[in-house]
Protein backbone atom coordinates (compact mmCIF):
# COMPACT_ATOMS: atom_id res chain seq x y z
CA UNK A 1 73.01 81.87 101.81
CA UNK A 2 71.76 79.68 104.74
CA UNK A 3 74.52 77.85 106.61
CA UNK A 4 74.85 76.01 109.94
CA UNK A 5 77.64 76.18 112.49
CA UNK A 6 80.37 73.55 112.53
CA UNK A 7 82.32 72.40 115.56
CA UNK A 8 85.41 74.27 114.32
CA UNK A 9 83.62 77.59 114.58
CA UNK A 10 83.65 78.06 110.78
CA UNK A 11 80.02 78.40 109.57
CA UNK A 12 79.36 75.73 106.91
CA UNK A 13 77.08 72.88 106.09
CA UNK A 14 78.78 69.92 107.82
CA UNK A 15 78.59 67.56 104.85
CA UNK A 16 80.22 70.20 102.60
CA UNK A 17 82.67 71.77 105.04
CA UNK A 18 85.72 70.25 103.41
CA UNK A 19 84.59 71.42 99.95
CA UNK A 20 83.72 74.86 101.34
CA UNK A 21 87.20 75.35 102.83
CA UNK A 22 88.81 74.03 99.62
CA UNK A 23 86.85 76.38 97.43
CA UNK A 24 87.70 79.43 99.61
CA UNK A 25 91.31 78.36 99.79
CA UNK A 26 91.62 78.14 95.96
CA UNK A 27 90.41 81.69 95.33
CA UNK A 28 93.11 84.16 94.08
CA UNK A 29 92.10 86.70 96.82
CA UNK A 30 92.67 86.73 100.59
CA UNK A 31 89.34 85.72 102.15
CA UNK A 32 88.25 86.46 105.71
CA UNK A 33 85.01 85.94 107.63
CA UNK A 34 84.34 88.43 110.39
CA UNK A 35 81.67 88.47 113.07
CA UNK A 36 79.70 91.57 114.02
CA UNK A 37 82.61 92.74 116.19
CA UNK A 38 85.11 92.32 113.33
CA UNK A 39 86.73 89.26 114.92
CA UNK A 40 88.18 86.92 112.38
CA UNK A 41 86.49 83.48 112.32
CA UNK A 42 88.06 82.21 109.14
CA UNK A 43 91.05 83.14 106.93
CA UNK A 44 92.23 81.26 103.87
CA UNK A 45 95.93 80.55 103.34
CA UNK A 46 96.55 83.69 101.23
CA UNK A 47 95.07 85.84 103.99
CA UNK A 48 97.18 84.08 106.67
CA UNK A 49 100.38 84.49 104.60
CA UNK A 50 99.58 88.17 103.84
CA UNK A 51 98.35 89.45 107.15
CA UNK A 52 99.34 87.18 110.05
CA UNK A 53 102.39 87.74 112.24
CA UNK A 54 105.07 85.03 112.06
CA UNK A 55 103.97 81.93 113.98
CA UNK A 56 100.55 83.35 114.84
CA UNK A 57 97.13 82.64 113.27
CA UNK A 58 94.59 85.35 112.31
CA UNK A 59 91.74 83.41 113.88
CA UNK A 60 90.33 85.23 116.88
CA UNK A 61 92.16 88.47 115.98
CA UNK A 62 90.38 91.74 115.34
CA UNK A 63 90.39 92.85 111.72
CA UNK A 64 91.96 96.26 111.85
CA UNK A 65 91.57 97.51 108.26
CA UNK A 66 88.66 100.01 107.97
CA UNK A 67 86.11 98.95 105.32
CA UNK A 68 82.78 99.97 103.82
CA UNK A 69 80.39 97.24 102.61
CA UNK A 70 79.72 97.28 98.92
CA UNK A 71 82.05 98.11 96.04
CA UNK A 72 85.74 97.39 95.69
CA UNK A 73 87.82 100.09 97.41
CA UNK A 74 91.51 100.88 97.51
CA UNK A 75 93.15 100.43 100.95
CA UNK A 76 96.61 100.67 102.53
CA UNK A 77 97.52 98.24 105.31
CA UNK A 78 100.57 97.49 107.40
CA UNK A 79 101.98 93.94 107.41
CA UNK A 80 105.19 92.28 108.44
CA UNK A 81 106.26 92.95 104.86
CA UNK A 82 105.69 96.69 105.23
CA UNK A 83 102.96 99.00 103.97
CA UNK A 84 100.98 97.39 101.18
CA UNK A 85 98.30 98.61 98.77
CA UNK A 86 95.20 96.54 98.22
CA UNK A 87 91.73 96.37 96.81
CA UNK A 88 89.07 95.24 99.23
CA UNK A 89 85.41 94.39 99.16
CA UNK A 90 83.19 93.57 102.14
CA UNK A 91 79.77 91.80 101.87
CA UNK A 92 77.03 91.08 104.33
CA UNK A 93 76.38 87.39 105.23
CA UNK A 94 73.72 86.16 107.66
CA UNK A 95 74.29 82.67 109.16
CA UNK A 96 71.89 81.06 111.62
CA UNK A 97 70.53 84.50 112.47
CA UNK A 98 73.98 85.95 113.10
CA UNK A 99 75.59 88.68 111.10
CA UNK A 100 78.98 88.11 109.42
CA UNK A 101 81.10 90.02 106.96
CA UNK A 102 82.89 88.27 104.12
CA UNK A 103 86.02 90.23 103.15
CA UNK A 104 87.96 89.81 99.90
CA UNK A 105 91.38 91.45 99.79
CA UNK A 106 93.75 91.71 96.82
CA UNK A 107 97.34 92.77 97.11
CA UNK A 108 97.93 95.28 94.23
CA UNK A 109 101.16 96.77 95.58
CA UNK A 110 103.31 95.67 92.63
CA UNK A 111 100.67 96.72 90.15
CA UNK A 112 100.37 100.14 91.71
CA UNK A 113 104.14 100.57 91.82
CA UNK A 114 104.30 99.66 88.10
CA UNK A 115 101.43 102.04 87.35
CA UNK A 116 103.26 104.83 89.25
CA UNK A 117 106.39 104.11 87.32
CA UNK A 118 104.59 104.27 83.95
CA UNK A 119 102.94 107.53 85.07
CA UNK A 120 106.34 109.01 86.03
CA UNK A 121 107.77 107.98 82.65
CA UNK A 122 104.78 109.48 80.85
CA UNK A 123 105.11 112.78 82.67
CA UNK A 124 108.87 112.88 82.05
CA UNK A 125 108.26 112.31 78.37
CA UNK A 126 105.55 114.97 78.21
CA UNK A 127 107.78 117.49 79.99
CA UNK A 128 110.64 116.74 77.67
CA UNK A 129 108.44 117.22 74.61
CA UNK A 130 107.16 120.46 76.01
CA UNK A 131 110.68 121.78 76.63
CA UNK A 132 111.91 120.95 73.11
CA UNK A 133 110.22 124.15 71.93
CA UNK A 134 112.13 126.21 74.47
CA UNK A 135 115.39 125.11 72.82
CA UNK A 136 114.16 126.48 69.51
CA UNK A 137 112.38 129.58 70.88
CA UNK A 138 114.08 131.09 73.93
CA UNK A 139 111.54 133.91 74.02
CA UNK A 140 108.81 131.47 75.15
CA UNK A 141 110.74 129.71 77.86
CA UNK A 142 108.22 128.54 80.46
CA UNK A 143 105.20 129.45 78.30
CA UNK A 144 103.77 125.95 78.25
CA UNK A 145 104.35 125.46 81.98
CA UNK A 146 102.73 128.76 82.86
CA UNK A 147 99.74 128.10 80.68
CA UNK A 148 99.46 124.62 82.22
CA UNK A 149 99.58 125.98 85.75
CA UNK A 150 97.00 128.66 85.09
CA UNK A 151 94.72 126.21 83.22
CA UNK A 152 94.79 123.93 86.25
CA UNK A 153 93.90 126.82 88.61
CA UNK A 154 90.97 127.84 86.35
CA UNK A 155 89.74 124.23 86.11
CA UNK A 156 89.86 123.92 89.87
CA UNK A 157 87.80 127.07 90.33
CA UNK A 158 85.28 125.65 87.91
CA UNK A 159 84.96 122.63 90.17
CA UNK A 160 86.45 120.03 87.78
CA UNK A 161 87.51 116.62 89.06
CA UNK A 162 91.02 115.25 89.37
CA UNK A 163 90.83 113.30 86.12
CA UNK A 164 89.85 116.39 84.13
CA UNK A 165 92.52 118.50 85.83
CA UNK A 166 95.28 116.01 85.10
CA UNK A 167 94.17 115.93 81.50
CA UNK A 168 94.11 119.69 81.10
CA UNK A 169 97.54 119.98 82.69
CA UNK A 170 99.06 117.54 80.12
CA UNK A 171 97.09 119.18 77.28
CA UNK A 172 98.33 122.62 78.13
CA UNK A 173 101.93 121.47 78.48
CA UNK A 174 101.66 120.19 74.88
CA UNK A 175 99.31 122.72 73.30
CA UNK A 176 102.05 124.38 71.23
CA UNK A 177 104.02 121.25 70.27
CA UNK A 178 103.13 121.89 66.61
CA UNK A 179 105.45 124.91 66.60
CA UNK A 180 108.27 122.43 66.18
CA UNK A 181 107.48 122.61 62.45
CA UNK A 182 107.78 126.42 62.24
CA UNK A 183 111.21 127.72 61.14
CA UNK A 184 113.22 129.17 64.03
CA UNK A 185 113.91 132.46 62.27
CA UNK A 186 110.16 133.11 62.12
CA UNK A 187 109.54 132.08 65.77
CA UNK A 188 112.31 134.40 66.99
CA UNK A 189 111.82 137.24 64.46
CA UNK A 190 111.78 140.66 66.09
CA UNK A 191 109.45 143.35 64.79
CA UNK A 192 106.61 143.03 62.31
CA UNK A 193 105.43 139.61 61.11
CA UNK A 194 104.09 139.55 57.54
CA UNK A 195 100.89 137.62 56.60
CA UNK A 196 102.81 134.77 55.02
CA UNK A 197 104.80 134.27 58.18
CA UNK A 198 101.69 134.55 60.40
CA UNK A 199 99.91 131.93 58.33
CA UNK A 200 102.87 129.60 58.69
CA UNK A 201 102.81 130.04 62.49
CA UNK A 202 99.08 129.23 62.50
CA UNK A 203 99.74 125.81 61.03
CA UNK A 204 101.12 124.78 64.50
CA UNK A 205 97.57 123.99 65.68
CA UNK A 206 97.05 121.43 62.90
CA UNK A 207 100.56 120.04 63.18
CA UNK A 208 100.23 119.69 66.90
CA UNK A 209 96.99 117.71 66.41
CA UNK A 210 98.66 115.42 63.88
CA UNK A 211 101.58 114.74 66.24
CA UNK A 212 99.50 114.12 69.34
CA UNK A 213 96.68 112.14 67.75
CA UNK A 214 99.18 109.26 67.33
CA UNK A 215 99.32 108.93 71.08
CA UNK A 216 96.39 107.14 72.88
CA UNK A 217 95.85 109.61 75.76
CA UNK A 218 92.81 109.07 78.01
CA UNK A 219 92.15 112.82 77.52
CA UNK A 220 91.50 114.94 74.41
CA UNK A 221 95.10 116.22 74.31
CA UNK A 222 95.34 116.34 70.51
CA UNK A 223 92.07 118.22 70.24
CA UNK A 224 93.22 120.84 72.70
CA UNK A 225 96.33 121.48 70.54
CA UNK A 226 93.98 121.65 67.53
CA UNK A 227 91.45 124.01 69.08
CA UNK A 228 93.21 126.33 71.55
CA UNK A 229 93.14 129.17 68.98
CA UNK A 230 89.51 128.65 68.12
CA UNK A 231 87.06 131.35 69.38
CA UNK A 232 83.41 131.09 70.35
CA UNK A 233 82.26 133.50 67.60
CA UNK A 234 84.06 131.46 64.88
CA UNK A 235 86.85 133.99 64.34
CA UNK A 236 89.61 131.60 65.45
CA UNK A 237 91.68 129.05 63.59
CA UNK A 238 92.35 126.57 62.04
CA UNK A 239 88.79 125.32 61.63
CA UNK A 240 86.68 128.33 62.52
CA UNK A 241 84.74 126.40 65.14
CA UNK A 242 81.99 128.10 67.13
CA UNK A 243 80.58 127.81 70.64
CA UNK A 244 80.00 124.22 71.80
CA UNK A 245 81.98 122.86 68.86
CA UNK A 246 85.09 123.79 70.91
CA UNK A 247 85.77 121.36 73.73
CA UNK A 248 85.83 122.83 77.20
CA UNK A 249 89.45 121.89 77.80
CA UNK A 250 90.52 123.93 74.77
CA UNK A 251 88.33 126.87 75.90
CA UNK A 252 90.07 126.91 79.28
CA UNK A 253 93.55 126.62 77.77
CA UNK A 254 92.69 129.44 75.38
CA UNK A 255 91.98 131.84 78.29
CA UNK A 256 95.26 130.88 79.99
CA UNK A 257 97.14 131.16 76.70
CA UNK A 258 95.84 134.72 76.09
CA UNK A 259 96.71 135.78 79.63
CA UNK A 260 100.25 134.42 79.44
CA UNK A 261 100.89 135.71 75.89
CA UNK A 262 99.74 139.27 76.65
CA UNK A 263 101.60 139.59 79.98
CA UNK A 264 104.99 138.32 78.80
CA UNK A 265 107.56 139.40 76.28
CA UNK A 266 107.54 138.19 72.71
CA UNK A 267 110.30 138.81 70.12
CA UNK A 268 107.97 141.25 68.25
CA UNK A 269 106.72 143.18 71.30
CA UNK A 270 107.24 143.74 75.07
CA UNK A 271 104.87 142.17 77.59
CA UNK A 272 101.87 144.40 78.30
CA UNK A 273 101.32 143.46 81.89
CA UNK A 274 98.50 142.00 83.99
CA UNK A 275 96.08 144.89 83.70
CA UNK A 276 96.10 144.82 79.93
CA UNK A 277 95.75 141.04 79.86
CA UNK A 278 92.73 141.10 82.19
CA UNK A 279 91.21 143.94 80.20
CA UNK A 280 91.38 141.90 76.97
CA UNK A 281 90.02 138.82 78.72
CA UNK A 282 87.13 140.84 80.14
CA UNK A 283 86.26 142.29 76.73
CA UNK A 284 86.40 138.93 74.99
CA UNK A 285 84.52 137.08 77.80
CA UNK A 286 81.44 135.41 76.36
CA UNK A 287 82.04 136.56 72.83
CA UNK A 288 85.39 134.95 71.95
CA UNK A 289 86.40 133.26 75.23
CA UNK A 290 84.56 131.08 77.73
CA UNK A 291 82.83 133.44 80.22
CA UNK A 292 83.20 131.18 83.25
CA UNK A 293 86.91 130.53 82.52
CA UNK A 294 87.51 134.31 82.04
CA UNK A 295 85.76 135.12 85.32
CA UNK A 296 87.89 132.52 87.11
CA UNK A 297 91.09 133.85 85.55
CA UNK A 298 90.29 137.45 86.44
CA UNK A 299 89.49 136.48 90.03
CA UNK A 300 92.70 134.49 90.40
CA UNK A 301 94.87 137.51 89.42
CA UNK A 302 92.87 140.41 90.79
CA UNK A 303 91.49 138.97 94.02
CA UNK A 304 93.56 135.93 94.98
CA UNK A 305 97.02 137.24 94.19
CA UNK A 306 97.91 134.64 91.59
CA UNK A 307 100.97 135.34 89.43
CA UNK A 308 102.99 133.46 86.84
CA UNK A 309 106.18 131.79 88.02
CA UNK A 310 109.48 132.72 86.44
CA UNK A 311 111.26 129.92 84.50
């Protein structure tokens, strides 16, 4: 865009300067024009209201919020109203051979606070759902939380991003939610479990999927509940899936689930300890369980001193 300099110091075509200011002033964002030293040459009313100190204009002030030219980026900035959260975009602008930067700034503090509130409510709801099983089955108190924590550690060692890790944490917290349909006397039964009872327990994977598929998570939470007992060789349940048919999240949770189940007490047997759990994981690595997840799990316990927390 080729513009000339006006007497006010605001670059604009003289015949359209009034329209230029009016257009910039009508935008829903705070707009600022900076020179090559980040000195503010223009600020619309929204920018003045948001960033200026009482009784003082922004013009001639140095723009102190760090920025990178290009895409919209989240920023935090201090104003007379306190610390605010915004989205900002900075674009190059050459005027009469001089370099300027056009900055657009949106105040998203309230939106972010609302988002954080919804996230907090979501996590509270998920935690409550997870703990409902503990009321019915005191032998597995903390099972979901321990599996979730280990699943996260494994995912981190596999180099997964924050979005994936948040999803696997929630998925692991809810992976056994389907056990809510299994009679308490079977869940807490000491000693031998007959085939009929075992088959009833196995339905928890399908029931968990049916419960969670009604919630529109941004992660495959329902599929993790459905698939965490599937095995790479097809020997798992309820669908007998093989290899890549099983989503990675479910493969990771499966390793954490085996480790936690073997190490800790169940009503039908005593916990067998870390060495036995790692032995089983090593044997099933690559055949039944994801090899990379198994290697990460073994390294966490045997080399990095990881241990399950008590609940």
